[in-house]
C-alpha atoms as a PDB file:
ATOM      1  CA  UNK A   1       4.691 -11.639   5.176  1.00  0.00           C
ATOM      2  CA  UNK A   2       6.890 -11.150   2.455  1.00  0.00           C
ATOM      3  CA  UNK A   3       7.197  -9.092  -0.731  1.00  0.00           C
ATOM      4  CA  UNK A   4       6.258 -12.011  -3.083  1.00  0.00           C
ATOM      5  CA  UNK A   5       2.883 -12.123  -0.717  1.00  0.00           C
ATOM      6  CA  UNK A   6       2.404  -8.306  -1.293  1.00  0.00           C
ATOM      7  CA  UNK A   7       3.222  -8.862  -4.903  1.00  0.00           C
ATOM      8  CA  UNK A   8       0.623 -11.994  -5.200  1.00  0.00           C
ATOM      9  CA  UNK A   9      -2.085  -9.943  -3.373  1.00  0.00           C
ATOM     10  CA  UNK A  10      -1.639  -6.472  -5.341  1.00  0.00           C
ATOM     11  CA  UNK A  11      -1.281  -7.851  -8.554  1.00  0.00           C
ATOM     12  CA  UNK A  12      -4.976  -9.795  -8.157  1.00  0.00           C
ATOM     13  CA  UNK A  13      -6.811  -6.588  -7.473  1.00  0.00           C
ATOM     14  CA  UNK A  14      -8.642  -5.221 -10.985  1.00  0.00           C
ATOM     15  CA  UNK A  15      -6.050  -3.361 -13.248  1.00  0.00           C
ATOM     16  CA  UNK A  16      -3.257  -3.302 -11.339  1.00  0.00           C
ATOM     17  CA  UNK A  17       0.143  -2.970 -12.818  1.00  0.00           C
ATOM     18  CA  UNK A  18       3.690  -3.483 -11.449  1.00  0.00           C
ATOM     19  CA  UNK A  19       6.437  -0.728 -12.815  1.00  0.00           C
ATOM     20  CA  UNK A  20       9.438   0.777 -11.525  1.00  0.00           C
ATOM     21  CA  UNK A  21       9.529   4.018  -9.844  1.00  0.00           C
ATOM     22  CA  UNK A  22      13.086   5.599  -9.800  1.00  0.00           C
ATOM     23  CA  UNK A  23      14.972   3.197  -7.635  1.00  0.00           C
ATOM     24  CA  UNK A  24      11.562   2.081  -6.403  1.00  0.00           C
ATOM     25  CA  UNK A  25       9.021  -0.703  -7.633  1.00  0.00           C
ATOM     26  CA  UNK A  26       5.344   0.251  -7.785  1.00  0.00           C
ATOM     27  CA  UNK A  27       2.078  -0.976  -8.012  1.00  0.00           C
ATOM     28  CA  UNK A  28      -0.295   1.221  -9.700  1.00  0.00           C
ATOM     29  CA  UNK A  29      -4.170   1.432 -10.219  1.00  0.00           C
ATOM     30  CA  UNK A  30      -4.928   3.388 -14.070  1.00  0.00           C
ATOM     31  CA  UNK A  31      -1.287   4.687 -13.623  1.00  0.00           C
ATOM     32  CA  UNK A  32      -2.115   5.859  -9.856  1.00  0.00           C
ATOM     33  CA  UNK A  33       0.578   4.457  -7.278  1.00  0.00           C
ATOM     34  CA  UNK A  34      -0.810   2.959  -4.362  1.00  0.00           C
ATOM     35  CA  UNK A  35       2.244   0.788  -2.920  1.00  0.00           C
ATOM     36  CA  UNK A  36       5.855   1.475  -3.868  1.00  0.00           C
ATOM     37  CA  UNK A  37       9.004  -0.958  -2.777  1.00  0.00           C
ATOM     38  CA  UNK A  38      12.136   0.599  -1.450  1.00  0.00           C
ATOM     39  CA  UNK A  39      15.144  -1.017  -3.005  1.00  0.00           C
ATOM     40  CA  UNK A  40      15.835  -2.788   0.257  1.00  0.00           C
ATOM     41  CA  UNK A  41      12.442  -4.892  -0.133  1.00  0.00           C
ATOM     42  CA  UNK A  42      11.980  -5.254   3.502  1.00  0.00           C
ATOM     43  CA  UNK A  43       9.427  -2.558   3.625  1.00  0.00           C
ATOM     44  CA  UNK A  44       6.805  -1.194   1.575  1.00  0.00           C
ATOM     45  CA  UNK A  45       5.078   2.310   1.535  1.00  0.00           C
ATOM     46  CA  UNK A  46       1.122   2.249   1.243  1.00  0.00           C
ATOM     47  CA  UNK A  47      -0.769   5.512   0.302  1.00  0.00           C
ATOM     48  CA  UNK A  48      -4.380   5.217   1.908  1.00  0.00           C
ATOM     49  CA  UNK A  49      -6.425   8.087   3.032  1.00  0.00           C
ATOM     50  CA  UNK A  50      -5.814   9.973   6.460  1.00  0.00           C
ATOM     51  CA  UNK A  51      -8.492   7.827   8.082  1.00  0.00           C
ATOM     52  CA  UNK A  52      -6.931   4.448   7.306  1.00  0.00           C
ATOM     53  CA  UNK A  53      -3.566   6.201   8.070  1.00  0.00           C
ATOM     54  CA  UNK A  54      -4.423   7.255  11.804  1.00  0.00           C
ATOM     55  CA  UNK A  55      -6.442   4.054  12.398  1.00  0.00           C
ATOM     56  CA  UNK A  56      -3.183   1.979  11.199  1.00  0.00           C
ATOM     57  CA  UNK A  57      -0.892   3.918  13.672  1.00  0.00           C
ATOM     58  CA  UNK A  58      -2.925   2.818  16.413  1.00  0.00           C
ATOM     59  CA  UNK A  59      -3.558  -0.396  15.789  1.00  0.00           C
ATOM     60  CA  UNK A  60      -0.354  -1.096  14.612  1.00  0.00           C
ATOM     61  CA  UNK A  61       2.586   0.586  15.778  1.00  0.00           C
ATOM     62  CA  UNK A  62       5.082  -2.535  15.814  1.00  0.00           C
ATOM     63  CA  UNK A  63       5.261  -2.470  11.984  1.00  0.00           C
ATOM     64  CA  UNK A  64       3.392   0.847  10.505  1.00  0.00           C
ATOM     65  CA  UNK A  65       5.183   4.100  10.826  1.00  0.00           C
ATOM     66  CA  UNK A  66       4.542   7.552   9.236  1.00  0.00           C
ATOM     67  CA  UNK A  67       5.982   8.136   5.925  1.00  0.00           C
ATOM     68  CA  UNK A  68       6.640  11.762   5.270  1.00  0.00           C
ATOM     69  CA  UNK A  69       7.260  14.127   1.830  1.00  0.00           C
ATOM     70  CA  UNK A  70       8.511  17.435   2.693  1.00  0.00           C
ATOM     71  CA  UNK A  71       7.594  17.354   6.134  1.00  0.00           C
ATOM     72  CA  UNK A  72       3.946  15.807   5.582  1.00  0.00           C
ATOM     73  CA  UNK A  73       2.586  12.488   6.349  1.00  0.00           C
ATOM     74  CA  UNK A  74       1.546  10.868   2.943  1.00  0.00           C
ATOM     75  CA  UNK A  75       1.263   7.370   3.630  1.00  0.00           C
ATOM     76  CA  UNK A  76       2.468   4.427   5.873  1.00  0.00           C
ATOM     77  CA  UNK A  77       5.728   2.580   6.196  1.00  0.00           C
ATOM     78  CA  UNK A  78       5.418  -0.902   6.781  1.00  0.00           C
ATOM     79  CA  UNK A  79       7.890  -3.558   7.917  1.00  0.00           C
ATOM     80  CA  UNK A  80       7.133  -6.601   6.577  1.00  0.00           C
ATOM     81  CA  UNK A  81       9.322  -8.774   8.256  1.00  0.00           C
ATOM     82  CA  UNK A  82       6.588  -8.241  11.347  1.00  0.00           C
ATOM     83  CA  UNK A  83       3.577  -7.436   9.847  1.00  0.00           C
ATOM     84  CA  UNK A  84       0.954 -10.488   9.618  1.00  0.00           C
ATOM     85  CA  UNK A  85      -0.260 -10.631   6.401  1.00  0.00           C
ATOM     86  CA  UNK A  86      -3.956 -10.231   7.062  1.00  0.00           C
ATOM     87  CA  UNK A  87      -2.943  -6.570   8.086  1.00  0.00           C
ATOM     88  CA  UNK A  88      -0.990  -5.876   5.117  1.00  0.00           C
ATOM     89  CA  UNK A  89      -3.341  -7.197   2.620  1.00  0.00           C
ATOM     90  CA  UNK A  90      -6.338  -4.911   4.489  1.00  0.00           C
ATOM     91  CA  UNK A  91      -3.465  -1.745   3.916  1.00  0.00           C
ATOM     92  CA  UNK A  92      -2.824  -2.651   0.595  1.00  0.00           C
ATOM     93  CA  UNK A  93      -6.721  -2.991  -0.338  1.00  0.00           C
ATOM     94  CA  UNK A  94      -7.615  -0.020   1.228  1.00  0.00           C
ATOM     95  CA  UNK A  95      -4.642   1.657  -0.930  1.00  0.00           C
ATOM     96  CA  UNK A  96      -6.244   0.362  -4.192  1.00  0.00           C
ATOM     97  CA  UNK A  97      -9.588   1.907  -3.405  1.00  0.00           C
ATOM     98  CA  UNK A  98      -8.195   5.209  -2.218  1.00  0.00           C
ATOM     99  CA  UNK A  99      -6.266   5.485  -5.481  1.00  0.00           C
ATOM    100  CA  UNK A 100      -8.668   3.672  -8.001  1.00  0.00           C
ATOM    101  CA  UNK A 101     -11.527   5.655 -10.406  1.00  0.00           C
ATOM    102  CA  UNK A 102     -14.559   5.427  -7.848  1.00  0.00           C
ATOM    103  CA  UNK A 103     -16.736   3.652 -10.476  1.00  0.00           C
ATOM    104  CA  UNK A 104     -13.949   0.927 -10.749  1.00  0.00           C
ATOM    105  CA  UNK A 105     -13.815   0.716  -6.638  1.00  0.00           C
ATOM    106  CA  UNK A 106     -17.387   0.571  -6.581  1.00  0.00           C
ATOM    107  CA  UNK A 107     -17.594  -2.253  -9.263  1.00  0.00           C
ATOM    108  CA  UNK A 108     -15.509  -4.403  -6.957  1.00  0.00           C
ATOM    109  CA  UNK A 109     -17.353  -3.896  -4.164  1.00  0.00           C
ATOM    110  CA  UNK A 110     -20.580  -4.207  -5.817  1.00  0.00           C
END
């Protein structure tokens, strides 16, 4: 998986914009960040619900790490070079659903 593929998928989701976030890039839905891209562009940070984080840690230890902020786990750090595209697109979609307004998420699923 590479950043161009992540970008294409993220921007295909409803109401997504790509904007800078300090030194990082970010993908947002109605202003809420669901993925950030560190400057090295070899990883992405994905912000999913706790249940999805725990499942990802268990299923994909070869390319998923805990992302912490102030000692608290807040998301996933995904190493793109070793991650299969299907797994990354699933995680990005889960993050979008987690951050999107509920009505928008329901409309996409319906």
